[in-house]
Amino acid sequence: MSSMQPIKQKVSLTEQVTTMIRAAIVAGEMTPGEHYSAIGISEKLGVSRTPVREALQLLEKEGIVTVAKNRGVRVNQISLEDIVEVFQLRLAIEPPAAARGVRNATDADIEHLKSLHARMLEIGETGDGRATLEADKAFHLHLLGLAGNSKLDSVVGELRNLVLAHGQTTVPFARSSQDLAGDREEIMEAIVAKDAQGAAAAVRDHVLRTAQMLIASVCSRTPGLDPEPFLERLDALIS
């Protein structure tokens, strides 16, 4: 099923359009280097050009697309250098935020995280990589959101989007959607146990593992590209 489908008019149409365009890029329906017209996108989504233009402006600010006058929009190609820098930042800020989130979590918060985790496992079984990634994002952002820092929420969301929106994922090249969904057991165990430091360590291991698989996956599809120099730099900000 195509990600570019007509959508219903709701409160934030621009946000919906942004999500749809990002999903189309993740799904490979919009590829780096190709040019797409705002008119064509608006027709596929069944909306006017205004929310499409606004969505493209937001995505351009994130570095995901480039809007060129009279040439439409082009999906940018993310480099391995960009991927390394994104994960350096995630490794620096997500583990301590996860620890703070666990310290702040109420019993109701933990139950909600359990439900998000269960939902991720359920979606993972369907083999739908894009939906699994969205469920994964919801789980992590909710946990980190419990740290109580809205700026951190925004930064982490943008970092994740910068990689995901370029279709740079470990699904299906390095692991299946089931593997992705199941790679949260240690995090969930620490949350349930209210073990803040355990959660920080588990989140760090998870982010590092994801980065390593992603870099290896990209290099395996690029003849002659050695992953080691990139892997060695992953924890440069925290070592």
Protein backbone atom coordinates (compact mmCIF):
# COMPACT_ATOMS: atom_id res chain seq x y z
CA MET A 1 0.00 0.00 0.00
CA SER A 2 1.37 3.38 -0.99
CA SER A 3 2.28 5.86 1.76
CA MET A 4 1.04 8.69 -0.46
CA GLN A 5 -2.72 8.41 0.03
CA PRO A 6 -5.53 10.97 0.37
CA ILE A 7 -5.90 12.01 3.99
CA LYS A 8 -8.78 13.33 6.04
CA GLN A 9 -8.99 16.98 7.02
CA LYS A 10 -8.06 17.29 10.71
CA VAL A 11 -6.78 19.97 13.06
CA SER A 12 -3.18 20.10 11.85
CA LEU A 13 -3.20 19.39 8.13
CA THR A 14 0.39 20.52 7.71
CA GLU A 15 1.55 18.02 10.35
CA GLN A 16 -0.34 15.23 8.60
CA VAL A 17 1.19 16.13 5.24
CA THR A 18 4.66 16.30 6.80
CA THR A 19 4.17 12.82 8.28
CA MET A 20 2.94 11.43 4.97
CA ILE A 21 5.85 12.85 2.97
CA ARG A 22 8.33 11.59 5.56
CA ALA A 23 6.70 8.14 5.42
CA ALA A 24 6.96 8.11 1.63
CA ILE A 25 10.69 8.84 1.88
CA VAL A 26 11.19 6.12 4.51
CA ALA A 27 9.29 3.65 2.31
CA GLY A 28 11.50 4.51 -0.67
CA GLU A 29 8.61 5.98 -2.65
CA MET A 30 10.47 9.30 -2.79
CA THR A 31 14.17 8.74 -3.40
CA PRO A 32 17.27 10.95 -3.01
CA GLY A 33 18.22 12.95 -6.08
CA GLU A 34 14.80 12.81 -7.75
CA HIS A 35 12.68 15.93 -8.15
CA TYR A 36 9.01 15.97 -7.13
CA SER A 37 6.44 18.70 -7.69
CA ALA A 38 4.36 20.19 -4.89
CA ILE A 39 1.37 19.97 -7.21
CA GLY A 40 1.90 16.24 -7.73
CA ILE A 41 2.23 15.65 -3.98
CA SER A 42 -0.88 17.69 -3.22
CA GLU A 43 -2.87 15.71 -5.80
CA LYS A 44 -1.79 12.37 -4.33
CA LEU A 45 -2.68 13.48 -0.82
CA GLY A 46 -5.92 15.14 -1.85
CA VAL A 47 -5.07 18.49 -0.28
CA SER A 48 -4.29 21.99 -1.48
CA ARG A 49 -0.76 23.14 -2.20
CA THR A 50 -0.57 25.33 0.92
CA PRO A 51 -0.10 22.57 3.54
CA VAL A 52 2.25 20.79 1.13
CA ARG A 53 4.42 23.91 0.81
CA GLU A 54 4.38 24.36 4.59
CA ALA A 55 5.32 20.71 5.13
CA LEU A 56 8.18 20.95 2.63
CA GLN A 57 9.47 24.08 4.37
CA LEU A 58 9.54 22.17 7.69
CA LEU A 59 11.34 19.22 6.10
CA GLU A 60 13.82 21.57 4.46
CA LYS A 61 14.65 23.09 7.85
CA GLU A 62 15.38 19.56 9.11
CA GLY A 63 17.77 19.04 6.19
CA ILE A 64 15.66 16.25 4.71
CA VAL A 65 14.70 17.93 1.42
CA THR A 66 15.77 20.87 -0.72
CA VAL A 67 13.11 23.04 -2.29
CA ALA A 68 14.27 24.61 -5.56
CA LYS A 69 12.31 27.34 -7.33
CA ASN A 70 10.73 26.05 -10.54
CA ARG A 71 12.29 22.62 -10.01
CA GLY A 72 10.14 21.23 -7.21
CA VAL A 73 11.55 19.41 -4.20
CA ARG A 74 14.49 17.03 -4.00
CA VAL A 75 15.10 14.47 -1.26
CA ASN A 76 18.62 15.01 0.11
CA GLN A 77 21.12 12.19 0.36
CA ILE A 78 22.43 11.67 3.89
CA SER A 79 26.10 10.69 4.17
CA LEU A 80 27.80 8.28 6.54
CA GLU A 81 29.42 11.32 8.14
CA ASP A 82 25.94 12.63 8.91
CA ILE A 83 24.85 9.26 10.29
CA VAL A 84 27.87 9.08 12.60
CA GLU A 85 27.25 12.60 13.92
CA VAL A 86 23.55 11.88 14.50
CA PHE A 87 24.35 8.79 16.54
CA GLN A 88 27.15 10.54 18.43
CA LEU A 89 24.54 13.00 19.66
CA ARG A 90 21.98 10.29 20.41
CA LEU A 91 24.55 8.34 22.46
CA ALA A 92 25.41 11.49 24.41
CA ILE A 93 21.88 12.55 25.31
CA GLU A 94 19.51 9.58 25.22
CA PRO A 95 20.99 7.35 27.98
CA PRO A 96 20.93 10.04 30.73
CA ALA A 97 17.49 11.18 29.54
CA ALA A 98 16.23 7.60 29.80
CA ALA A 99 17.60 7.38 33.34
CA ARG A 100 15.82 10.60 34.29
CA GLY A 101 12.66 9.36 32.61
CA VAL A 102 12.66 6.18 34.69
CA ARG A 103 13.23 8.18 37.89
CA ASN A 104 10.26 10.40 37.02
CA ALA A 105 7.98 7.60 35.79
CA THR A 106 4.75 6.94 37.68
CA ASP A 107 3.08 3.55 37.75
CA ALA A 108 0.71 4.84 35.06
CA ASP A 109 3.67 5.90 32.90
CA ILE A 110 5.20 2.44 33.21
CA GLU A 111 1.92 0.79 32.25
CA HIS A 112 1.72 3.03 29.19
CA LEU A 113 5.29 2.12 28.19
CA LYS A 114 4.35 -1.54 28.59
CA SER A 115 1.44 -1.03 26.21
CA LEU A 116 3.65 0.81 23.68
CA HIS A 117 6.19 -2.00 23.90
CA ALA A 118 3.48 -4.65 23.43
CA ARG A 119 2.11 -2.71 20.47
CA MET A 120 5.57 -2.58 18.91
CA LEU A 121 5.96 -6.35 19.27
CA GLU A 122 2.51 -6.87 17.76
CA ILE A 123 3.27 -4.68 14.75
CA GLY A 124 6.70 -6.29 14.37
CA GLU A 125 5.04 -9.65 13.84
CA THR A 126 3.24 -8.28 10.79
CA GLY A 127 6.55 -7.61 9.04
CA ASP A 128 5.57 -3.99 8.34
CA GLY A 129 8.94 -2.26 8.68
CA ARG A 130 7.64 1.30 8.40
CA ALA A 131 4.90 0.78 11.00
CA THR A 132 7.40 -0.92 13.31
CA LEU A 133 9.73 2.07 13.02
CA GLU A 134 6.86 4.41 13.90
CA ALA A 135 5.96 2.27 16.93
CA ASP A 136 9.63 2.22 17.93
CA LYS A 137 9.75 6.00 17.71
CA ALA A 138 6.61 6.35 19.85
CA PHE A 139 8.09 4.11 22.55
CA HIS A 140 11.43 5.91 22.75
CA LEU A 141 10.05 9.43 22.57
CA HIS A 142 7.56 8.67 25.34
CA LEU A 143 10.31 7.31 27.59
CA LEU A 144 12.61 10.25 26.90
CA GLY A 145 9.69 12.65 27.27
CA LEU A 146 9.39 11.59 30.91
CA ALA A 147 12.72 13.35 31.51
CA GLY A 148 10.71 16.57 31.41
CA ASN A 149 12.79 18.52 28.87
CA SER A 150 10.78 19.65 25.85
CA LYS A 151 13.89 20.87 24.01
CA LEU A 152 15.41 17.40 24.34
CA ASP A 153 12.20 15.88 22.96
CA SER A 154 12.45 18.14 19.92
CA VAL A 155 16.16 17.47 19.33
CA VAL A 156 15.86 13.69 19.62
CA GLY A 157 12.81 13.67 17.35
CA GLU A 158 14.68 15.63 14.69
CA LEU A 159 17.77 13.42 14.96
CA ARG A 160 15.69 10.27 14.50
CA ASN A 161 13.76 11.84 11.61
CA LEU A 162 16.95 12.95 9.86
CA VAL A 163 18.07 9.34 9.52
CA LEU A 164 14.70 7.64 9.09
CA ALA A 165 13.38 10.11 6.56
CA HIS A 166 16.26 9.27 4.24
CA GLY A 167 15.25 5.63 4.23
CA GLN A 168 18.45 4.86 6.15
CA THR A 169 17.21 2.06 8.38
CA THR A 170 18.39 -1.38 9.42
CA VAL A 171 15.11 -2.88 8.16
CA PRO A 172 15.23 -5.10 6.14
CA PHE A 173 18.95 -5.04 5.33
CA ALA A 174 20.46 -5.93 8.72
CA ARG A 175 17.47 -7.14 10.74
CA SER A 176 13.80 -7.87 10.36
CA SER A 177 10.96 -5.82 11.78
CA GLN A 178 10.52 -8.61 14.36
CA ASP A 179 14.16 -8.24 15.45
CA LEU A 180 13.78 -4.47 15.64
CA ALA A 181 10.65 -4.74 17.77
CA GLY A 182 12.23 -7.33 20.07
CA ASP A 183 15.38 -5.30 20.68
CA ARG A 184 13.85 -3.56 23.71
CA GLU A 185 13.64 -6.32 26.30
CA GLU A 186 16.52 -5.04 28.47
CA ILE A 187 15.16 -1.49 28.33
CA MET A 188 11.69 -2.66 29.31
CA GLU A 189 13.03 -4.83 32.15
CA ALA A 190 14.93 -1.84 33.58
CA ILE A 191 11.84 0.37 33.30
CA VAL A 192 9.64 -2.15 35.13
CA ALA A 193 12.30 -2.56 37.81
CA LYS A 194 12.59 1.24 38.07
CA ASP A 195 16.33 0.81 37.54
CA ALA A 196 17.42 4.20 36.17
CA GLN A 197 21.05 3.30 35.54
CA GLY A 198 20.04 -0.03 34.03
CA ALA A 199 17.74 1.82 31.64
CA ALA A 200 20.54 4.22 30.67
CA ALA A 201 22.89 1.32 29.93
CA ALA A 202 20.24 -0.57 27.97
CA VAL A 203 19.32 2.49 25.89
CA ARG A 204 23.00 3.17 25.18
CA ASP A 205 23.53 -0.44 24.06
CA HIS A 206 20.43 -0.28 21.88
CA VAL A 207 21.39 3.00 20.17
CA LEU A 208 24.98 1.84 19.67
CA ARG A 209 23.81 -1.49 18.25
CA THR A 210 21.45 0.28 15.86
CA ALA A 211 24.22 2.62 14.69
CA GLN A 212 26.66 -0.25 14.16
CA MET A 213 24.15 -2.25 12.13
CA LEU A 214 23.14 0.78 10.08
CA ILE A 215 26.72 1.71 9.21
CA ALA A 216 27.58 -1.89 8.36
CA SER A 217 24.42 -2.16 6.25
CA VAL A 218 25.18 1.01 4.27
CA CYS A 219 28.79 -0.06 3.71
CA SER A 220 27.77 -3.54 2.59
CA ARG A 221 25.74 -1.93 -0.19
CA THR A 222 28.62 0.38 -1.20
CA PRO A 223 31.57 -1.56 -2.69
CA GLY A 224 34.95 -0.55 -1.28
CA LEU A 225 33.55 1.42 1.67
CA ASP A 226 35.17 0.35 4.96
CA PRO A 227 32.86 0.66 8.00
CA GLU A 228 35.65 0.56 10.65
CA PRO A 229 36.66 4.25 10.58
CA PHE A 230 33.01 5.24 11.04
CA LEU A 231 32.35 2.66 13.77
CA GLU A 232 35.40 3.82 15.73
CA ARG A 233 34.03 7.38 15.92
CA LEU A 234 30.58 6.55 17.28
CA ASP A 235 31.33 7.21 20.95
CA ALA A 236 33.79 10.05 20.35
CA LEU A 237 31.65 12.56 22.25
CA ILE A 238 31.39 10.46 25.41
CA SER A 239 34.72 8.63 25.59
